[in-house]
Amino acid sequence: MAFTQFYVQPTGSNLNSGSTNTDAATLTYASGNWALATGVFTVASGNPLSDGVTVGDFASVYVNGSTVTGFVGRITARDATTITVSLTAKSGTAPTDGTGTVTLKVGGAWAGPSGTTALPLDFMAGTMTNSTGNPPHCAWKAGTYSVTGALTHSLDTGAIWHEGYTTTIGDGGYAILDGGTSGASYKLLNVTGKNTNFVYFVFQNNGATGSTDGVGVTGNENMFYRCVFKNFRGMGFAANAVCNTTECEFYNNNTSNTSTKGGCQLLSSGSVCLRNISHHNSGSNATGFFLDQSMLVQGCIAWANGNDGFSSVGDVNQTYLNCDAYANGRHGFNLQTTASMCANFYNCNSLKNTSGGWNFGTNAKNGYIKNCGVGSGTEANGTDIIESVPGIRVEGTVTYSSNTTPWSSPTTGDFRLTASAAKNTGTGYYTQREGGYSGMVSYPDIGAGQHLDTGGSAYTVAY
């Protein structure tokens, strides 16, 4: 897919237009005249035609003395003395009229967040598109962007992409947004807008005291892909709106050891929790995944968290497919809601959890624990599957050999399947009762990581 491309790098300038990956702007026209009604900038010196100003490029327009641009728009025309900037294909708010007091920069990368400055967050809008309407994509050069106060991203203006990279966009390099380890805790980033995608980011640290969550989401339709959330005083990631977390890591959160905090919290029906791992979230109260409302949780791993691996209250319908809960401080899966609910677990593993593999509270539950794996000997749960709640049905349980796990090296985070008892032994039945059909059966593994057959081809990430 084509994008309208912008750049952030620590050595850039937040007065630039963000449209090239150079530290300095391509062209700067200082102390010119600006007409807000028409978007026309008149240069004080130079010749935009012969200087190489190009229609379709982007310009930053700001009042002299500014430290951060407040407006970037697409150039729609230029002649020997003027540059016309779109007032609709833009981000921010254009400055008021100025005579000899306004500067225009073409090109150059932004420096990104610093101190309490959020740019390009809460600035780069979905309206800042090229002439063919391609959505904006901002590539963040790998490095650390240190902030000292809460950042907000509130825009709801169309699809926006923010992505870390090292050398080439798409190479999987990580940009680090760091909130520091001193003072009272604060929310590092609060996403209240919609339609923003965050790819290859590390969000870390938010103070030394208190229990504020690290990253919060209250706007629908946002996605976090291959992001890391770590070292936060409260919840690492807390979403109170429909969002997507895919292939993310949540590590060493809830350092304040506050009740009901931990790695990842999703509280809205329809949210997606896919191939995430939440581990070593600290303290006796730290839960790996705190999941409320109805949703599908697939391919996720909760490992070595101080409290439950997966926890849920107040729900209606939840399904866990190919998930692993290992060596957590309380239950592997704890659906402790006092309300009735439908709860299903297919092809999941639950081993060496201190209190037990599954817990369902006291009120009515219905559903399956089907073809799931449990440990024995030193790898057993404190209390394994007990059908203590009417309606929860246990079938096809696989118990692994004493003192062994089905994985390669779970204590180092390698949950690749090695045990034959877990390979192709998950439930994969399809119902086909009509005559004349050959029938369909699947042979999934038990666990988050599906095994690779001899002669198969493994998926390789870009980095």
Foldseek 3Di string as FASTA:
>chain_A
DDAQEFEAEQLAALQFLRRDAARFFLDKAAQWWAAQVFQKTFGPDFFCVVSPPDQQFKKFKDFPPDRHTQKIFGFHDGGGTMTHGDPQLMWGHHDHTDHSGMMMTTDIRHNAAEAQDHPPALTQAQSNGTPVSHGYAYEYAADEHEYAAAEERAYAHEAYEYEYDHPDPQLLHEHEYEHDAADAFDANYEYEYARYEYYRYEFEDGYHDDADEHYEYEYAHYEYEQYEFEHECWESYAYPYAYEYEQYEFEQYNPVQDAPTAYEEDADPNHYAYQYEYEHNDHLRHERYEYEEEDEHELYEQEHANYEPYEYEDYAEYEYEQYEFFQYAAEPYEDAYPDEYEYEYWLEEAWNHAHEHYHHHADAYAYENELYEYEAANTGYNYYDDPPHPHYYYPNYHYDPHPDDQFDDVVVPGRAGDDPSFALSIAFADDDDDPDDPGDGGRFGRHSHHYADVVGDDDDRSD
